N, C-alpha and C. Protein backbone atom coordinates (compact mmCIF):
# COMPACT_ATOMS: atom_id res chain seq x y z
N MET A 1 23.41 -8.85 1.75
CA MET A 1 22.11 -8.59 1.12
C MET A 1 21.47 -9.93 0.74
N PHE A 2 20.20 -10.05 0.91
CA PHE A 2 19.46 -11.25 0.56
C PHE A 2 19.01 -11.17 -0.90
N ASN A 3 18.63 -12.31 -1.49
CA ASN A 3 18.21 -12.30 -2.89
C ASN A 3 16.73 -12.63 -3.09
N LYS A 4 16.03 -12.88 -1.97
CA LYS A 4 14.58 -13.05 -2.07
C LYS A 4 13.95 -12.66 -0.74
N LEU A 5 12.70 -12.25 -0.85
CA LEU A 5 11.93 -11.93 0.34
C LEU A 5 10.47 -12.26 0.11
N VAL A 6 9.73 -12.36 1.19
CA VAL A 6 8.30 -12.63 1.09
C VAL A 6 7.55 -11.33 1.31
N LEU A 7 6.57 -11.07 0.45
CA LEU A 7 5.71 -9.90 0.61
C LEU A 7 4.52 -10.30 1.46
N ALA A 8 4.33 -9.60 2.56
CA ALA A 8 3.25 -9.94 3.50
C ALA A 8 1.91 -9.39 2.98
N SER A 9 1.50 -9.90 1.83
CA SER A 9 0.25 -9.47 1.21
C SER A 9 -0.17 -10.51 0.18
N ASN A 10 -1.45 -10.58 -0.07
CA ASN A 10 -1.98 -11.38 -1.17
C ASN A 10 -2.56 -10.50 -2.27
N ASN A 11 -2.29 -9.20 -2.19
CA ASN A 11 -2.82 -8.25 -3.15
C ASN A 11 -1.99 -8.31 -4.44
N PRO A 12 -2.59 -8.74 -5.57
CA PRO A 12 -1.81 -8.87 -6.80
C PRO A 12 -1.28 -7.54 -7.32
N GLY A 13 -2.01 -6.45 -7.05
CA GLY A 13 -1.54 -5.13 -7.47
C GLY A 13 -0.26 -4.74 -6.75
N LYS A 14 -0.22 -4.98 -5.44
CA LYS A 14 0.98 -4.67 -4.66
C LYS A 14 2.14 -5.55 -5.10
N LEU A 15 1.86 -6.83 -5.37
CA LEU A 15 2.92 -7.74 -5.78
C LEU A 15 3.56 -7.26 -7.09
N ARG A 16 2.74 -6.83 -8.06
CA ARG A 16 3.26 -6.33 -9.33
C ARG A 16 4.14 -5.10 -9.09
N GLU A 17 3.67 -4.19 -8.26
CA GLU A 17 4.43 -2.96 -8.03
C GLU A 17 5.75 -3.24 -7.33
N PHE A 18 5.73 -4.09 -6.30
CA PHE A 18 6.97 -4.36 -5.57
C PHE A 18 7.94 -5.20 -6.38
N ALA A 19 7.44 -6.12 -7.19
CA ALA A 19 8.32 -6.91 -8.05
C ALA A 19 9.09 -5.98 -8.99
N ALA A 20 8.40 -4.98 -9.54
CA ALA A 20 9.06 -4.01 -10.43
C ALA A 20 10.05 -3.15 -9.67
N LEU A 21 9.69 -2.72 -8.47
CA LEU A 21 10.56 -1.84 -7.69
C LEU A 21 11.83 -2.55 -7.22
N PHE A 22 11.71 -3.85 -6.88
CA PHE A 22 12.87 -4.59 -6.38
C PHE A 22 13.73 -5.19 -7.49
N ALA A 23 13.23 -5.20 -8.73
CA ALA A 23 13.97 -5.82 -9.84
C ALA A 23 15.40 -5.28 -9.99
N PRO A 24 15.63 -3.96 -9.89
CA PRO A 24 17.02 -3.48 -10.02
C PRO A 24 17.96 -3.99 -8.95
N PHE A 25 17.42 -4.41 -7.80
CA PHE A 25 18.25 -4.95 -6.72
C PHE A 25 18.50 -6.46 -6.90
N GLU A 26 17.88 -7.04 -7.94
CA GLU A 26 17.95 -8.49 -8.17
C GLU A 26 17.45 -9.27 -6.95
N ILE A 27 16.37 -8.74 -6.36
CA ILE A 27 15.72 -9.41 -5.24
C ILE A 27 14.36 -9.93 -5.73
N GLU A 28 14.17 -11.22 -5.58
CA GLU A 28 12.90 -11.84 -5.99
C GLU A 28 11.86 -11.63 -4.89
N VAL A 29 10.69 -11.14 -5.28
CA VAL A 29 9.61 -10.90 -4.33
C VAL A 29 8.57 -12.00 -4.48
N LEU A 30 8.36 -12.74 -3.40
CA LEU A 30 7.41 -13.85 -3.40
C LEU A 30 6.18 -13.48 -2.58
N PRO A 31 4.99 -13.81 -3.05
CA PRO A 31 3.80 -13.53 -2.25
C PRO A 31 3.71 -14.49 -1.08
N GLN A 32 3.09 -14.05 0.00
CA GLN A 32 2.96 -14.95 1.16
C GLN A 32 2.11 -16.17 0.83
N SER A 33 1.28 -16.08 -0.21
CA SER A 33 0.47 -17.24 -0.61
C SER A 33 1.35 -18.40 -1.09
N ALA A 34 2.57 -18.11 -1.55
CA ALA A 34 3.49 -19.16 -1.98
C ALA A 34 3.91 -20.05 -0.81
N PHE A 35 3.71 -19.57 0.42
CA PHE A 35 4.05 -20.32 1.62
C PHE A 35 2.81 -20.69 2.42
N ALA A 36 1.64 -20.49 1.81
CA ALA A 36 0.36 -20.75 2.47
C ALA A 36 0.23 -19.99 3.78
N ILE A 37 0.77 -18.77 3.80
CA ILE A 37 0.72 -17.94 5.01
C ILE A 37 -0.63 -17.21 5.04
N PRO A 38 -1.39 -17.37 6.11
CA PRO A 38 -2.67 -16.66 6.19
C PRO A 38 -2.46 -15.17 6.47
N GLU A 39 -3.47 -14.39 6.17
CA GLU A 39 -3.41 -12.96 6.46
C GLU A 39 -3.19 -12.74 7.96
N ALA A 40 -2.33 -11.80 8.29
CA ALA A 40 -2.09 -11.47 9.69
C ALA A 40 -3.22 -10.59 10.22
N GLU A 41 -3.41 -10.63 11.52
CA GLU A 41 -4.36 -9.71 12.13
C GLU A 41 -3.81 -8.28 12.04
N GLU A 42 -4.70 -7.33 11.84
CA GLU A 42 -4.31 -5.92 11.77
C GLU A 42 -5.18 -5.13 12.76
N PRO A 43 -4.95 -5.33 14.05
CA PRO A 43 -5.83 -4.73 15.05
C PRO A 43 -5.46 -3.31 15.45
N HIS A 44 -4.36 -2.81 14.91
CA HIS A 44 -3.81 -1.56 15.42
C HIS A 44 -4.43 -0.33 14.75
N HIS A 45 -4.18 0.82 15.36
CA HIS A 45 -4.77 2.08 14.88
C HIS A 45 -3.81 2.89 14.02
N THR A 46 -2.59 2.38 13.83
CA THR A 46 -1.62 3.10 13.01
C THR A 46 -1.06 2.19 11.92
N PHE A 47 -0.64 2.82 10.81
CA PHE A 47 -0.06 2.06 9.70
C PHE A 47 1.20 1.34 10.14
N ILE A 48 2.04 2.01 10.93
CA ILE A 48 3.32 1.42 11.28
C ILE A 48 3.16 0.16 12.15
N GLU A 49 2.24 0.19 13.09
CA GLU A 49 2.04 -0.99 13.95
C GLU A 49 1.50 -2.17 13.13
N ASN A 50 0.57 -1.89 12.24
CA ASN A 50 0.02 -2.97 11.41
C ASN A 50 1.09 -3.54 10.47
N ALA A 51 1.90 -2.68 9.86
CA ALA A 51 2.94 -3.15 8.95
C ALA A 51 3.96 -4.02 9.68
N LEU A 52 4.36 -3.61 10.87
CA LEU A 52 5.33 -4.39 11.64
C LEU A 52 4.76 -5.75 12.02
N ALA A 53 3.50 -5.78 12.43
CA ALA A 53 2.87 -7.05 12.78
C ALA A 53 2.82 -7.99 11.57
N LYS A 54 2.49 -7.45 10.41
CA LYS A 54 2.41 -8.28 9.20
C LYS A 54 3.78 -8.79 8.77
N ALA A 55 4.80 -7.93 8.85
CA ALA A 55 6.15 -8.34 8.45
C ALA A 55 6.68 -9.45 9.35
N ARG A 56 6.53 -9.31 10.65
CA ARG A 56 7.02 -10.33 11.57
C ARG A 56 6.27 -11.65 11.37
N HIS A 57 4.98 -11.56 11.14
CA HIS A 57 4.14 -12.75 10.90
C HIS A 57 4.65 -13.52 9.67
N ALA A 58 4.89 -12.81 8.57
CA ALA A 58 5.33 -13.46 7.34
C ALA A 58 6.74 -14.02 7.46
N ALA A 59 7.62 -13.30 8.15
CA ALA A 59 8.99 -13.79 8.35
C ALA A 59 9.01 -15.04 9.21
N GLN A 60 8.19 -15.04 10.25
CA GLN A 60 8.12 -16.19 11.15
C GLN A 60 7.68 -17.45 10.42
N LEU A 61 6.69 -17.32 9.54
CA LEU A 61 6.12 -18.50 8.89
C LEU A 61 6.84 -18.90 7.60
N SER A 62 7.66 -18.01 7.04
CA SER A 62 8.38 -18.34 5.81
C SER A 62 9.85 -18.63 6.02
N GLY A 63 10.42 -18.10 7.12
CA GLY A 63 11.85 -18.23 7.34
C GLY A 63 12.68 -17.32 6.45
N LEU A 64 12.04 -16.37 5.77
CA LEU A 64 12.71 -15.44 4.87
C LEU A 64 12.59 -14.01 5.40
N PRO A 65 13.44 -13.11 4.91
CA PRO A 65 13.17 -11.70 5.15
C PRO A 65 11.77 -11.37 4.64
N ALA A 66 11.11 -10.42 5.27
CA ALA A 66 9.73 -10.11 4.88
C ALA A 66 9.53 -8.61 4.79
N LEU A 67 8.73 -8.24 3.81
CA LEU A 67 8.35 -6.84 3.61
C LEU A 67 6.85 -6.72 3.77
N ALA A 68 6.44 -5.76 4.57
CA ALA A 68 5.01 -5.48 4.73
C ALA A 68 4.76 -4.03 4.39
N ASP A 69 3.63 -3.82 3.77
CA ASP A 69 3.19 -2.48 3.40
C ASP A 69 1.83 -2.27 4.04
N ASP A 70 1.72 -1.29 4.90
CA ASP A 70 0.39 -0.92 5.35
C ASP A 70 0.13 0.47 4.81
N SER A 71 -0.92 0.58 4.06
CA SER A 71 -1.19 1.84 3.40
C SER A 71 -2.67 2.09 3.34
N GLY A 72 -3.01 3.32 3.05
CA GLY A 72 -4.43 3.64 2.96
C GLY A 72 -4.62 5.07 2.51
N LEU A 73 -5.87 5.40 2.33
CA LEU A 73 -6.27 6.73 1.87
C LEU A 73 -6.77 7.53 3.07
N CYS A 74 -6.23 8.71 3.25
CA CYS A 74 -6.62 9.58 4.36
C CYS A 74 -7.29 10.82 3.76
N VAL A 75 -8.55 11.03 4.08
CA VAL A 75 -9.33 12.12 3.50
C VAL A 75 -9.54 13.21 4.55
N ALA A 76 -9.12 14.43 4.23
CA ALA A 76 -9.13 15.52 5.20
C ALA A 76 -10.52 15.77 5.76
N ALA A 77 -11.54 15.81 4.90
CA ALA A 77 -12.88 16.14 5.35
C ALA A 77 -13.50 15.05 6.22
N LEU A 78 -12.89 13.87 6.22
CA LEU A 78 -13.40 12.74 7.01
C LEU A 78 -12.51 12.47 8.22
N GLY A 79 -11.69 13.45 8.59
CA GLY A 79 -10.83 13.27 9.76
C GLY A 79 -9.77 12.22 9.59
N GLY A 80 -9.35 11.98 8.34
CA GLY A 80 -8.33 10.98 8.08
C GLY A 80 -8.86 9.61 7.70
N GLU A 81 -10.16 9.43 7.77
CA GLU A 81 -10.74 8.16 7.33
C GLU A 81 -10.67 8.07 5.81
N PRO A 82 -10.69 6.87 5.23
CA PRO A 82 -10.77 5.57 5.89
C PRO A 82 -9.48 5.10 6.54
N GLY A 83 -8.33 5.73 6.24
CA GLY A 83 -7.09 5.43 6.95
C GLY A 83 -6.73 3.95 6.97
N VAL A 84 -6.45 3.43 8.17
CA VAL A 84 -6.05 2.02 8.29
C VAL A 84 -7.18 1.06 7.93
N HIS A 85 -8.39 1.59 7.80
CA HIS A 85 -9.54 0.75 7.43
C HIS A 85 -9.83 0.79 5.93
N SER A 86 -8.91 1.34 5.14
CA SER A 86 -9.17 1.58 3.72
C SER A 86 -9.57 0.32 2.96
N ALA A 87 -8.90 -0.79 3.21
CA ALA A 87 -9.16 -2.01 2.44
C ALA A 87 -10.56 -2.56 2.65
N TYR A 88 -11.12 -2.33 3.83
CA TYR A 88 -12.44 -2.91 4.15
C TYR A 88 -13.44 -1.83 4.55
N TYR A 89 -13.26 -0.64 4.03
CA TYR A 89 -14.14 0.50 4.36
C TYR A 89 -15.60 0.18 4.05
N GLY A 90 -15.84 -0.56 2.99
CA GLY A 90 -17.20 -0.90 2.60
C GLY A 90 -17.62 -2.30 3.01
N GLY A 91 -16.83 -2.98 3.84
CA GLY A 91 -17.15 -4.34 4.28
C GLY A 91 -16.14 -5.35 3.79
N ARG A 92 -16.18 -6.54 4.37
CA ARG A 92 -15.20 -7.59 4.08
C ARG A 92 -15.70 -8.64 3.09
N GLU A 93 -16.94 -8.58 2.71
CA GLU A 93 -17.51 -9.62 1.87
C GLU A 93 -17.07 -9.46 0.42
N GLY A 94 -17.05 -10.58 -0.30
CA GLY A 94 -16.83 -10.56 -1.74
C GLY A 94 -15.38 -10.55 -2.17
N SER A 95 -15.18 -10.48 -3.48
CA SER A 95 -13.85 -10.47 -4.07
C SER A 95 -13.19 -9.11 -3.86
N ARG A 96 -11.91 -9.04 -4.19
CA ARG A 96 -11.19 -7.78 -4.07
C ARG A 96 -11.83 -6.70 -4.94
N ALA A 97 -12.21 -7.07 -6.16
CA ALA A 97 -12.84 -6.09 -7.07
C ALA A 97 -14.17 -5.61 -6.50
N GLU A 98 -14.93 -6.52 -5.90
CA GLU A 98 -16.21 -6.13 -5.31
C GLU A 98 -16.00 -5.22 -4.10
N ARG A 99 -14.99 -5.53 -3.28
CA ARG A 99 -14.69 -4.67 -2.14
C ARG A 99 -14.24 -3.29 -2.58
N ASP A 100 -13.39 -3.26 -3.62
CA ASP A 100 -12.94 -1.97 -4.14
C ASP A 100 -14.13 -1.12 -4.59
N ALA A 101 -15.07 -1.74 -5.28
CA ALA A 101 -16.24 -1.01 -5.77
C ALA A 101 -17.07 -0.47 -4.61
N ARG A 102 -17.25 -1.28 -3.57
CA ARG A 102 -18.02 -0.82 -2.41
C ARG A 102 -17.28 0.28 -1.66
N ASN A 103 -15.96 0.12 -1.52
CA ASN A 103 -15.17 1.15 -0.84
C ASN A 103 -15.29 2.49 -1.55
N ASN A 104 -15.19 2.47 -2.86
CA ASN A 104 -15.29 3.70 -3.63
C ASN A 104 -16.67 4.32 -3.52
N ALA A 105 -17.69 3.47 -3.56
CA ALA A 105 -19.07 3.97 -3.45
C ALA A 105 -19.30 4.61 -2.08
N ARG A 106 -18.79 3.98 -1.03
CA ARG A 106 -18.97 4.54 0.31
C ARG A 106 -18.23 5.86 0.45
N LEU A 107 -17.03 5.93 -0.12
CA LEU A 107 -16.26 7.17 -0.04
C LEU A 107 -17.00 8.31 -0.75
N LEU A 108 -17.52 8.04 -1.94
CA LEU A 108 -18.26 9.07 -2.67
C LEU A 108 -19.49 9.52 -1.89
N ALA A 109 -20.17 8.57 -1.26
CA ALA A 109 -21.36 8.92 -0.48
C ALA A 109 -20.97 9.79 0.72
N ALA A 110 -19.85 9.46 1.36
CA ALA A 110 -19.41 10.23 2.54
C ALA A 110 -19.03 11.66 2.17
N LEU A 111 -18.58 11.86 0.94
CA LEU A 111 -18.15 13.19 0.50
C LEU A 111 -19.22 13.93 -0.30
N ASP A 112 -20.37 13.32 -0.45
CA ASP A 112 -21.43 13.95 -1.24
C ASP A 112 -21.75 15.35 -0.70
N GLY A 113 -21.69 16.34 -1.59
CA GLY A 113 -22.01 17.71 -1.22
C GLY A 113 -20.90 18.48 -0.54
N ARG A 114 -19.77 17.85 -0.30
CA ARG A 114 -18.65 18.52 0.38
C ARG A 114 -17.72 19.17 -0.66
N ALA A 115 -17.35 20.40 -0.40
CA ALA A 115 -16.41 21.09 -1.28
C ALA A 115 -14.97 20.66 -1.00
N GLU A 116 -14.68 20.33 0.25
CA GLU A 116 -13.33 19.92 0.66
C GLU A 116 -13.07 18.51 0.16
N ARG A 117 -12.12 18.35 -0.78
CA ARG A 117 -11.86 17.05 -1.40
C ARG A 117 -10.40 16.62 -1.23
N ARG A 118 -9.61 17.34 -0.43
CA ARG A 118 -8.19 16.99 -0.28
C ARG A 118 -8.04 15.61 0.36
N ALA A 119 -7.04 14.88 -0.12
CA ALA A 119 -6.77 13.55 0.42
C ALA A 119 -5.31 13.20 0.14
N HIS A 120 -4.82 12.24 0.86
CA HIS A 120 -3.50 11.71 0.52
C HIS A 120 -3.46 10.22 0.83
N TYR A 121 -2.70 9.53 0.00
CA TYR A 121 -2.35 8.15 0.28
C TYR A 121 -1.15 8.16 1.22
N CYS A 122 -1.16 7.27 2.20
CA CYS A 122 -0.01 7.07 3.08
C CYS A 122 0.46 5.63 2.95
N CYS A 123 1.75 5.44 2.88
CA CYS A 123 2.33 4.09 2.84
C CYS A 123 3.44 3.99 3.86
N VAL A 124 3.38 2.97 4.69
CA VAL A 124 4.49 2.65 5.60
C VAL A 124 5.00 1.26 5.22
N LEU A 125 6.28 1.20 4.90
CA LEU A 125 6.94 -0.07 4.59
C LEU A 125 7.78 -0.50 5.78
N VAL A 126 7.69 -1.77 6.11
CA VAL A 126 8.55 -2.35 7.16
C VAL A 126 9.21 -3.59 6.59
N LEU A 127 10.52 -3.62 6.65
CA LEU A 127 11.28 -4.79 6.21
C LEU A 127 12.01 -5.37 7.41
N VAL A 128 11.77 -6.66 7.66
CA VAL A 128 12.51 -7.36 8.72
C VAL A 128 13.37 -8.44 8.08
N ARG A 129 14.58 -8.55 8.55
CA ARG A 129 15.51 -9.55 8.01
C ARG A 129 15.18 -10.94 8.55
N HIS A 130 14.56 -10.97 9.71
CA HIS A 130 14.06 -12.21 10.32
C HIS A 130 12.98 -11.79 11.31
N ALA A 131 12.24 -12.75 11.81
CA ALA A 131 11.05 -12.43 12.61
C ALA A 131 11.36 -11.63 13.87
N GLN A 132 12.55 -11.83 14.45
CA GLN A 132 12.89 -11.12 15.68
C GLN A 132 13.83 -9.94 15.43
N ASP A 133 13.92 -9.49 14.19
CA ASP A 133 14.82 -8.39 13.83
C ASP A 133 14.62 -7.21 14.79
N PRO A 134 15.68 -6.82 15.54
CA PRO A 134 15.52 -5.72 16.50
C PRO A 134 15.57 -4.34 15.84
N GLN A 135 16.02 -4.30 14.57
CA GLN A 135 16.10 -3.03 13.85
C GLN A 135 15.43 -3.13 12.49
N PRO A 136 14.12 -3.25 12.47
CA PRO A 136 13.44 -3.29 11.17
C PRO A 136 13.68 -1.99 10.41
N ILE A 137 13.72 -2.10 9.09
CA ILE A 137 13.84 -0.90 8.26
C ILE A 137 12.42 -0.36 8.04
N ILE A 138 12.21 0.89 8.37
CA ILE A 138 10.89 1.51 8.26
C ILE A 138 10.99 2.73 7.37
N ALA A 139 10.11 2.82 6.39
CA ALA A 139 10.11 3.95 5.46
C ALA A 139 8.67 4.35 5.18
N GLU A 140 8.47 5.66 5.00
CA GLU A 140 7.11 6.17 4.82
C GLU A 140 7.05 7.08 3.60
N GLY A 141 5.90 7.10 2.94
CA GLY A 141 5.68 8.00 1.81
C GLY A 141 4.24 8.49 1.80
N GLU A 142 4.04 9.70 1.27
CA GLU A 142 2.70 10.27 1.13
C GLU A 142 2.53 10.79 -0.29
N TRP A 143 1.32 10.62 -0.82
CA TRP A 143 0.98 11.07 -2.17
C TRP A 143 -0.28 11.92 -2.07
N HIS A 144 -0.15 13.21 -2.32
CA HIS A 144 -1.25 14.14 -2.08
C HIS A 144 -2.04 14.41 -3.36
N GLY A 145 -3.36 14.50 -3.19
CA GLY A 145 -4.23 14.78 -4.31
C GLY A 145 -5.62 15.17 -3.84
N GLU A 146 -6.61 14.86 -4.66
CA GLU A 146 -8.00 15.19 -4.34
C GLU A 146 -8.89 14.02 -4.75
N ILE A 147 -10.08 13.99 -4.17
CA ILE A 147 -11.04 12.95 -4.52
C ILE A 147 -11.98 13.48 -5.61
N LEU A 148 -12.05 12.73 -6.70
CA LEU A 148 -12.92 13.08 -7.82
C LEU A 148 -14.38 12.81 -7.49
N ALA A 149 -15.28 13.39 -8.27
CA ALA A 149 -16.72 13.17 -8.07
C ALA A 149 -17.19 11.85 -8.66
N ALA A 150 -16.39 11.26 -9.56
CA ALA A 150 -16.75 9.99 -10.19
C ALA A 150 -15.46 9.27 -10.61
N PRO A 151 -15.48 7.95 -10.68
CA PRO A 151 -14.27 7.20 -11.05
C PRO A 151 -13.81 7.52 -12.47
N ARG A 152 -12.48 7.47 -12.66
CA ARG A 152 -11.88 7.66 -13.97
C ARG A 152 -10.71 6.71 -14.13
N GLY A 153 -10.68 5.99 -15.26
CA GLY A 153 -9.54 5.14 -15.57
C GLY A 153 -9.76 3.68 -15.21
N GLU A 154 -8.97 2.83 -15.86
CA GLU A 154 -9.11 1.38 -15.68
C GLU A 154 -7.91 0.73 -15.01
N GLY A 155 -6.85 1.50 -14.78
CA GLY A 155 -5.64 0.92 -14.20
C GLY A 155 -5.64 1.00 -12.69
N GLY A 156 -4.48 0.63 -12.11
CA GLY A 156 -4.33 0.72 -10.66
C GLY A 156 -5.26 -0.23 -9.93
N PHE A 157 -5.52 0.10 -8.67
CA PHE A 157 -6.43 -0.70 -7.85
C PHE A 157 -6.88 0.15 -6.68
N GLY A 158 -7.79 -0.38 -5.89
CA GLY A 158 -8.26 0.35 -4.72
C GLY A 158 -8.98 1.64 -5.09
N TYR A 159 -8.54 2.72 -4.48
CA TYR A 159 -9.19 4.03 -4.68
C TYR A 159 -8.60 4.80 -5.87
N ASP A 160 -7.70 4.19 -6.63
CA ASP A 160 -7.02 4.90 -7.71
C ASP A 160 -7.97 5.60 -8.70
N PRO A 161 -9.12 5.00 -9.06
CA PRO A 161 -10.01 5.70 -10.00
C PRO A 161 -10.59 7.00 -9.46
N LEU A 162 -10.58 7.18 -8.14
CA LEU A 162 -11.14 8.39 -7.53
C LEU A 162 -10.06 9.39 -7.12
N PHE A 163 -8.79 9.01 -7.22
CA PHE A 163 -7.71 9.84 -6.69
C PHE A 163 -7.12 10.69 -7.81
N LEU A 164 -7.41 11.99 -7.78
CA LEU A 164 -6.88 12.92 -8.78
C LEU A 164 -5.45 13.30 -8.41
N VAL A 165 -4.56 13.14 -9.37
CA VAL A 165 -3.15 13.50 -9.21
C VAL A 165 -2.96 14.87 -9.86
N PRO A 166 -2.94 15.96 -9.08
CA PRO A 166 -2.90 17.30 -9.67
C PRO A 166 -1.73 17.51 -10.63
N ALA A 167 -0.55 16.97 -10.28
CA ALA A 167 0.64 17.18 -11.12
C ALA A 167 0.49 16.54 -12.49
N ALA A 168 -0.34 15.50 -12.57
CA ALA A 168 -0.52 14.79 -13.84
C ALA A 168 -1.84 15.14 -14.53
N GLY A 169 -2.77 15.75 -13.79
CA GLY A 169 -4.05 16.12 -14.37
C GLY A 169 -4.94 14.94 -14.71
N CYS A 170 -4.73 13.83 -14.01
CA CYS A 170 -5.54 12.64 -14.26
C CYS A 170 -5.66 11.85 -12.97
N SER A 171 -6.49 10.81 -12.99
CA SER A 171 -6.61 9.96 -11.81
C SER A 171 -5.42 9.01 -11.75
N ALA A 172 -5.20 8.44 -10.57
CA ALA A 172 -4.12 7.45 -10.43
C ALA A 172 -4.38 6.24 -11.30
N ALA A 173 -5.65 5.94 -11.59
CA ALA A 173 -5.99 4.79 -12.44
C ALA A 173 -5.75 5.08 -13.92
N GLU A 174 -5.54 6.35 -14.26
CA GLU A 174 -5.24 6.72 -15.65
C GLU A 174 -3.74 6.84 -15.91
N LEU A 175 -2.95 6.79 -14.86
CA LEU A 175 -1.50 6.89 -15.01
C LEU A 175 -0.92 5.59 -15.56
N PRO A 176 0.04 5.66 -16.48
CA PRO A 176 0.77 4.44 -16.85
C PRO A 176 1.48 3.88 -15.62
N ALA A 177 1.61 2.57 -15.56
CA ALA A 177 2.20 1.93 -14.39
C ALA A 177 3.58 2.47 -14.08
N GLU A 178 4.39 2.71 -15.12
CA GLU A 178 5.75 3.19 -14.88
C GLU A 178 5.75 4.59 -14.29
N ARG A 179 4.75 5.40 -14.65
CA ARG A 179 4.64 6.76 -14.07
C ARG A 179 4.17 6.67 -12.63
N LYS A 180 3.20 5.79 -12.37
CA LYS A 180 2.73 5.62 -11.00
C LYS A 180 3.86 5.14 -10.09
N ASN A 181 4.73 4.28 -10.63
CA ASN A 181 5.84 3.75 -9.84
C ASN A 181 6.92 4.79 -9.55
N VAL A 182 6.75 5.99 -10.06
CA VAL A 182 7.63 7.10 -9.73
C VAL A 182 6.97 8.04 -8.72
N LEU A 183 5.65 8.28 -8.91
CA LEU A 183 4.95 9.29 -8.14
C LEU A 183 4.33 8.80 -6.84
N SER A 184 3.92 7.56 -6.78
CA SER A 184 3.02 7.09 -5.72
C SER A 184 3.65 7.10 -4.33
N HIS A 185 2.76 7.03 -3.35
CA HIS A 185 3.18 6.92 -1.95
C HIS A 185 4.06 5.70 -1.73
N ARG A 186 3.73 4.61 -2.42
CA ARG A 186 4.51 3.38 -2.30
C ARG A 186 5.90 3.58 -2.91
N ALA A 187 5.96 4.26 -4.05
CA ALA A 187 7.25 4.52 -4.69
C ALA A 187 8.11 5.43 -3.81
N GLN A 188 7.50 6.44 -3.22
CA GLN A 188 8.25 7.34 -2.34
C GLN A 188 8.81 6.59 -1.13
N ALA A 189 7.96 5.76 -0.53
CA ALA A 189 8.43 4.98 0.62
C ALA A 189 9.53 4.01 0.20
N PHE A 190 9.38 3.43 -0.99
CA PHE A 190 10.38 2.48 -1.46
C PHE A 190 11.72 3.16 -1.69
N ARG A 191 11.72 4.38 -2.24
CA ARG A 191 12.98 5.08 -2.44
C ARG A 191 13.71 5.27 -1.11
N ARG A 192 12.97 5.60 -0.08
CA ARG A 192 13.58 5.76 1.24
C ARG A 192 14.08 4.41 1.78
N LEU A 193 13.30 3.36 1.52
CA LEU A 193 13.73 2.02 1.92
C LEU A 193 15.01 1.62 1.19
N ALA A 194 15.07 1.93 -0.11
CA ALA A 194 16.24 1.58 -0.91
C ALA A 194 17.49 2.27 -0.39
N GLU A 195 17.35 3.52 0.03
CA GLU A 195 18.49 4.24 0.60
C GLU A 195 19.02 3.52 1.84
N ARG A 196 18.09 3.03 2.64
CA ARG A 196 18.48 2.30 3.86
C ARG A 196 19.13 0.96 3.51
N LEU A 197 18.65 0.30 2.46
CA LEU A 197 19.22 -0.98 2.08
C LEU A 197 20.65 -0.82 1.56
N ARG A 198 20.90 0.31 0.90
CA ARG A 198 22.24 0.56 0.35
C ARG A 198 23.23 1.00 1.43
N ALA A 199 22.73 1.51 2.54
CA ALA A 199 23.61 2.05 3.58
C ALA A 199 24.37 0.92 4.26
N PRO A 200 25.65 1.13 4.56
CA PRO A 200 26.41 0.09 5.28
C PRO A 200 25.85 -0.10 6.68
N ARG A 201 25.94 -1.34 7.15
CA ARG A 201 25.48 -1.65 8.50
C ARG A 201 26.66 -1.97 9.39
């Protein structure tokens, strides 16, 4: 087992969540920015292909095991959109907070007047032990809910203020971080990843 890995992301929200999730394993999670690794291209149409490309990219440039998370919000009434385009649904300009605000505004506009509000977050995690790892560990999780008519809550990131968690009766942005780290798509995928990490090879 390794004691550190690079996270193929510059998203501070993801870094916080993964650092907490990996803490019991005594694995230090380093952002790719610590190695001046640029964002990888994500040209693919599926979460798994994009996650694998990002993980191999980060492992190649850091020399460390790498974890990539490709995730997004899939809305039933929109045919699964924004899906793999979730991060830049409203455009690539501006800061992360500005992009999040535009993404949420575009999503609300797309659903205006629609009764169908079902949606789910999907997360695919890919862990490679080295850039040419022939057996990457792949784990997936889904978190089902509905899209609210207006944002609620100050926590989380991305679409969390619009994502109603029926089991909790609040938005993902209103959930305490420790509760989100149990329920979320990322937490579900991580539990499956952890099972694979514990399994003998």
